[in-house]
Amino acid sequence: MRGGRPPMGGSEPPIMGEGNFPDGMGERPMMNKEQNVEDIQKKAAEAKKKKIKKILTPEQYAKWQTEQATARQKAPQMRMHKGNHTNKI
């Protein structure tokens, strides 16, 4: 590299451990990215439900759950039709 930045982490190369990763990174098995994203989404959804349940009355919460279920059923249909719109100017 001419005139560029020095490599990250200073001038010394990292100490390589198991699996050619810097020490401490090769010891755990890698988690499937899709599974990790699903877990994060599930935890976020549960946290949202808990917050909403604290705020709403039992009747309001039941109605909210019904509306959420309806929206989940409509979501695949909305995705299918999303690309079929034409822009009118």
N, C-alpha and C. Protein backbone atom coordinates (compact mmCIF):
# COMPACT_ATOMS: atom_id res chain seq x y z
N MET A 1 0.84 -1.17 0.00
CA MET A 1 0.00 0.00 0.00
C MET A 1 0.88 1.24 0.00
N ARG A 2 0.65 2.10 -0.88
CA ARG A 2 1.40 3.36 -0.94
C ARG A 2 0.64 4.45 -0.23
N GLY A 3 1.21 5.02 0.79
CA GLY A 3 0.61 6.17 1.45
C GLY A 3 -0.74 5.91 2.10
N GLY A 4 -1.12 4.67 2.27
CA GLY A 4 -2.42 4.36 2.86
C GLY A 4 -2.32 4.28 4.37
N ARG A 5 -3.37 3.84 4.95
CA ARG A 5 -3.41 3.67 6.39
C ARG A 5 -2.56 2.50 6.82
N PRO A 6 -2.03 2.55 8.04
CA PRO A 6 -1.35 1.37 8.56
C PRO A 6 -2.39 0.31 8.89
N PRO A 7 -2.02 -0.95 8.92
CA PRO A 7 -3.01 -1.99 9.23
C PRO A 7 -3.61 -1.78 10.62
N MET A 8 -4.88 -2.19 10.76
CA MET A 8 -5.55 -2.04 12.05
C MET A 8 -4.86 -2.89 13.09
N GLY A 9 -4.86 -2.39 14.32
CA GLY A 9 -4.29 -3.16 15.42
C GLY A 9 -2.81 -2.90 15.61
N GLY A 10 -2.26 -1.91 14.99
CA GLY A 10 -0.86 -1.58 15.18
C GLY A 10 0.02 -2.31 14.20
N SER A 11 1.28 -2.33 14.51
CA SER A 11 2.24 -2.89 13.56
C SER A 11 2.46 -4.39 13.74
N GLU A 12 2.08 -4.95 14.88
CA GLU A 12 2.30 -6.38 15.12
C GLU A 12 1.11 -7.18 14.62
N PRO A 13 1.36 -8.31 13.94
CA PRO A 13 0.24 -9.15 13.51
C PRO A 13 -0.40 -9.82 14.72
N PRO A 14 -1.70 -10.13 14.65
CA PRO A 14 -2.35 -10.79 15.78
C PRO A 14 -1.79 -12.18 15.99
N ILE A 15 -1.82 -12.64 17.21
CA ILE A 15 -1.36 -13.99 17.52
C ILE A 15 -2.45 -14.95 17.09
N MET A 16 -2.10 -15.85 16.19
CA MET A 16 -3.10 -16.74 15.63
C MET A 16 -3.30 -17.95 16.55
N GLY A 17 -4.55 -18.28 16.75
CA GLY A 17 -4.89 -19.43 17.56
C GLY A 17 -5.46 -20.53 16.69
N GLU A 18 -6.27 -21.35 17.28
CA GLU A 18 -6.90 -22.47 16.61
C GLU A 18 -7.80 -21.98 15.48
N GLY A 19 -7.75 -22.59 14.32
CA GLY A 19 -8.62 -22.23 13.21
C GLY A 19 -8.18 -20.98 12.48
N ASN A 20 -6.92 -20.58 12.63
CA ASN A 20 -6.37 -19.38 11.99
C ASN A 20 -7.13 -18.10 12.34
N PHE A 21 -7.73 -18.05 13.51
CA PHE A 21 -8.36 -16.84 14.01
C PHE A 21 -7.48 -16.31 15.13
N PRO A 22 -7.50 -15.01 15.39
CA PRO A 22 -6.77 -14.50 16.55
C PRO A 22 -7.21 -15.24 17.80
N ASP A 23 -6.32 -15.39 18.75
CA ASP A 23 -6.62 -16.15 19.97
C ASP A 23 -7.98 -15.81 20.54
N GLY A 24 -8.70 -16.83 20.97
CA GLY A 24 -9.99 -16.67 21.59
C GLY A 24 -11.15 -16.76 20.61
N MET A 25 -10.89 -16.72 19.31
CA MET A 25 -11.99 -16.76 18.36
C MET A 25 -12.21 -18.14 17.76
N GLY A 26 -11.23 -19.04 17.86
CA GLY A 26 -11.36 -20.34 17.24
C GLY A 26 -11.91 -21.41 18.16
N GLU A 27 -12.23 -21.04 19.39
CA GLU A 27 -12.64 -22.05 20.36
C GLU A 27 -14.12 -22.38 20.31
N ARG A 28 -14.95 -21.45 19.85
CA ARG A 28 -16.39 -21.70 19.80
C ARG A 28 -16.80 -22.09 18.39
N PRO A 29 -17.79 -22.99 18.26
CA PRO A 29 -18.29 -23.28 16.91
C PRO A 29 -19.07 -22.07 16.41
N MET A 30 -18.98 -21.81 15.12
CA MET A 30 -19.69 -20.68 14.53
C MET A 30 -21.18 -21.00 14.47
N MET A 31 -22.00 -20.03 14.83
CA MET A 31 -23.44 -20.21 14.79
C MET A 31 -23.94 -19.85 13.40
N ASN A 32 -24.88 -20.58 12.93
CA ASN A 32 -25.49 -20.30 11.63
C ASN A 32 -26.08 -18.88 11.66
N LYS A 33 -25.73 -18.05 10.69
CA LYS A 33 -26.18 -16.65 10.68
C LYS A 33 -27.69 -16.55 10.65
N GLU A 34 -28.35 -17.40 9.86
CA GLU A 34 -29.81 -17.35 9.77
C GLU A 34 -30.44 -17.69 11.12
N GLN A 35 -29.87 -18.68 11.80
CA GLN A 35 -30.40 -19.07 13.10
C GLN A 35 -30.19 -17.92 14.09
N ASN A 36 -29.04 -17.27 14.03
CA ASN A 36 -28.75 -16.16 14.92
C ASN A 36 -29.74 -15.02 14.70
N VAL A 37 -30.03 -14.71 13.45
CA VAL A 37 -30.98 -13.64 13.13
C VAL A 37 -32.36 -14.02 13.64
N GLU A 38 -32.75 -15.26 13.44
CA GLU A 38 -34.07 -15.71 13.93
C GLU A 38 -34.16 -15.57 15.44
N ASP A 39 -33.11 -15.97 16.15
CA ASP A 39 -33.10 -15.87 17.60
C ASP A 39 -33.23 -14.41 18.05
N ILE A 40 -32.51 -13.52 17.39
CA ILE A 40 -32.57 -12.10 17.73
C ILE A 40 -33.97 -11.56 17.48
N GLN A 41 -34.58 -11.95 16.34
CA GLN A 41 -35.93 -11.48 16.03
C GLN A 41 -36.95 -12.01 17.03
N LYS A 42 -36.81 -13.28 17.43
CA LYS A 42 -37.74 -13.86 18.40
C LYS A 42 -37.63 -13.15 19.74
N LYS A 43 -36.40 -12.87 20.18
CA LYS A 43 -36.21 -12.19 21.46
C LYS A 43 -36.78 -10.78 21.41
N ALA A 44 -36.59 -10.09 20.28
CA ALA A 44 -37.13 -8.74 20.13
C ALA A 44 -38.66 -8.77 20.15
N ALA A 45 -39.25 -9.76 19.49
CA ALA A 45 -40.71 -9.88 19.45
C ALA A 45 -41.26 -10.14 20.85
N GLU A 46 -40.59 -11.00 21.60
CA GLU A 46 -41.04 -11.30 22.96
C GLU A 46 -40.94 -10.07 23.85
N ALA A 47 -39.86 -9.32 23.71
CA ALA A 47 -39.68 -8.10 24.51
C ALA A 47 -40.78 -7.10 24.17
N LYS A 48 -41.11 -6.99 22.88
CA LYS A 48 -42.17 -6.07 22.45
C LYS A 48 -43.51 -6.48 23.04
N LYS A 49 -43.80 -7.79 23.01
CA LYS A 49 -45.06 -8.28 23.57
C LYS A 49 -45.16 -7.96 25.06
N LYS A 50 -44.06 -8.15 25.79
CA LYS A 50 -44.07 -7.88 27.23
C LYS A 50 -44.34 -6.40 27.51
N LYS A 51 -43.69 -5.52 26.73
CA LYS A 51 -43.89 -4.08 26.91
C LYS A 51 -45.34 -3.70 26.64
N ILE A 52 -45.88 -4.22 25.55
CA ILE A 52 -47.25 -3.88 25.16
C ILE A 52 -48.24 -4.42 26.18
N LYS A 53 -47.98 -5.63 26.69
CA LYS A 53 -48.89 -6.23 27.66
C LYS A 53 -48.94 -5.40 28.95
N LYS A 54 -47.81 -4.80 29.32
CA LYS A 54 -47.78 -3.96 30.52
C LYS A 54 -48.61 -2.70 30.34
N ILE A 55 -48.65 -2.18 29.12
CA ILE A 55 -49.31 -0.91 28.84
C ILE A 55 -50.81 -1.06 28.63
N LEU A 56 -51.21 -2.10 27.89
CA LEU A 56 -52.61 -2.27 27.51
C LEU A 56 -53.41 -3.01 28.57
N THR A 57 -54.73 -2.81 28.53
CA THR A 57 -55.63 -3.59 29.37
C THR A 57 -55.72 -5.00 28.76
N PRO A 58 -56.21 -5.98 29.51
CA PRO A 58 -56.34 -7.33 28.95
C PRO A 58 -57.19 -7.36 27.67
N GLU A 59 -58.26 -6.56 27.62
CA GLU A 59 -59.10 -6.53 26.43
C GLU A 59 -58.35 -5.92 25.24
N GLN A 60 -57.62 -4.84 25.49
CA GLN A 60 -56.85 -4.19 24.43
C GLN A 60 -55.74 -5.13 23.92
N TYR A 61 -55.10 -5.84 24.85
CA TYR A 61 -54.03 -6.76 24.47
C TYR A 61 -54.57 -7.89 23.60
N ALA A 62 -55.73 -8.42 23.95
CA ALA A 62 -56.35 -9.48 23.15
C ALA A 62 -56.66 -8.97 21.75
N LYS A 63 -57.18 -7.75 21.65
CA LYS A 63 -57.49 -7.17 20.35
C LYS A 63 -56.19 -6.97 19.55
N TRP A 64 -55.14 -6.50 20.21
CA TRP A 64 -53.84 -6.29 19.54
C TRP A 64 -53.30 -7.61 19.00
N GLN A 65 -53.40 -8.69 19.79
CA GLN A 65 -52.93 -10.00 19.34
C GLN A 65 -53.70 -10.45 18.09
N THR A 66 -55.02 -10.23 18.10
CA THR A 66 -55.85 -10.60 16.94
C THR A 66 -55.41 -9.83 15.70
N GLU A 67 -55.16 -8.54 15.87
CA GLU A 67 -54.73 -7.71 14.74
C GLU A 67 -53.35 -8.14 14.24
N GLN A 68 -52.47 -8.55 15.15
CA GLN A 68 -51.14 -9.01 14.75
C GLN A 68 -51.24 -10.31 13.94
N ALA A 69 -52.12 -11.21 14.37
CA ALA A 69 -52.31 -12.47 13.65
C ALA A 69 -52.85 -12.21 12.25
N THR A 70 -53.80 -11.28 12.14
CA THR A 70 -54.37 -10.92 10.84
C THR A 70 -53.29 -10.33 9.94
N ALA A 71 -52.46 -9.47 10.49
CA ALA A 71 -51.38 -8.85 9.71
C ALA A 71 -50.38 -9.90 9.22
N ARG A 72 -50.09 -10.89 10.06
CA ARG A 72 -49.15 -11.96 9.66
C ARG A 72 -49.73 -12.79 8.52
N GLN A 73 -51.04 -12.99 8.52
CA GLN A 73 -51.66 -13.75 7.44
C GLN A 73 -51.65 -12.96 6.14
N LYS A 74 -51.80 -11.64 6.23
CA LYS A 74 -51.83 -10.80 5.03
C LYS A 74 -50.43 -10.51 4.49
N ALA A 75 -49.39 -10.64 5.30
CA ALA A 75 -48.04 -10.26 4.90
C ALA A 75 -47.56 -10.96 3.63
N PRO A 76 -47.72 -12.28 3.48
CA PRO A 76 -47.26 -12.92 2.23
C PRO A 76 -47.99 -12.39 1.00
N GLN A 77 -49.26 -12.09 1.13
CA GLN A 77 -50.03 -11.54 0.01
C GLN A 77 -49.51 -10.16 -0.36
N MET A 78 -49.17 -9.36 0.64
CA MET A 78 -48.66 -8.01 0.38
C MET A 78 -47.31 -8.08 -0.33
N ARG A 79 -46.48 -9.04 0.06
CA ARG A 79 -45.17 -9.18 -0.58
C ARG A 79 -45.31 -9.58 -2.04
N MET A 80 -46.29 -10.43 -2.34
CA MET A 80 -46.51 -10.88 -3.72
C MET A 80 -46.91 -9.71 -4.60
N HIS A 81 -47.76 -8.85 -4.10
CA HIS A 81 -48.29 -7.75 -4.91
C HIS A 81 -47.38 -6.53 -4.92
N LYS A 82 -46.36 -6.54 -4.11
CA LYS A 82 -45.49 -5.37 -3.97
C LYS A 82 -44.86 -4.96 -5.30
N GLY A 83 -44.40 -5.89 -6.10
CA GLY A 83 -43.73 -5.58 -7.36
C GLY A 83 -44.66 -5.31 -8.51
N ASN A 84 -45.95 -5.46 -8.34
CA ASN A 84 -46.90 -5.31 -9.44
C ASN A 84 -47.41 -3.89 -9.65
N HIS A 85 -46.95 -2.95 -8.83
CA HIS A 85 -47.43 -1.58 -8.95
C HIS A 85 -46.63 -0.83 -10.02
N THR A 86 -47.32 0.04 -10.72
CA THR A 86 -46.62 0.89 -11.69
C THR A 86 -46.70 2.31 -11.19
N ASN A 87 -45.66 3.05 -11.40
CA ASN A 87 -45.63 4.45 -10.96
C ASN A 87 -46.31 5.33 -11.99
N LYS A 88 -47.28 6.09 -11.55
CA LYS A 88 -47.96 7.03 -12.44
C LYS A 88 -47.50 8.42 -12.09
N ILE A 89 -47.10 9.14 -13.09
CA ILE A 89 -46.62 10.51 -12.86
C ILE A 89 -47.63 11.49 -13.37
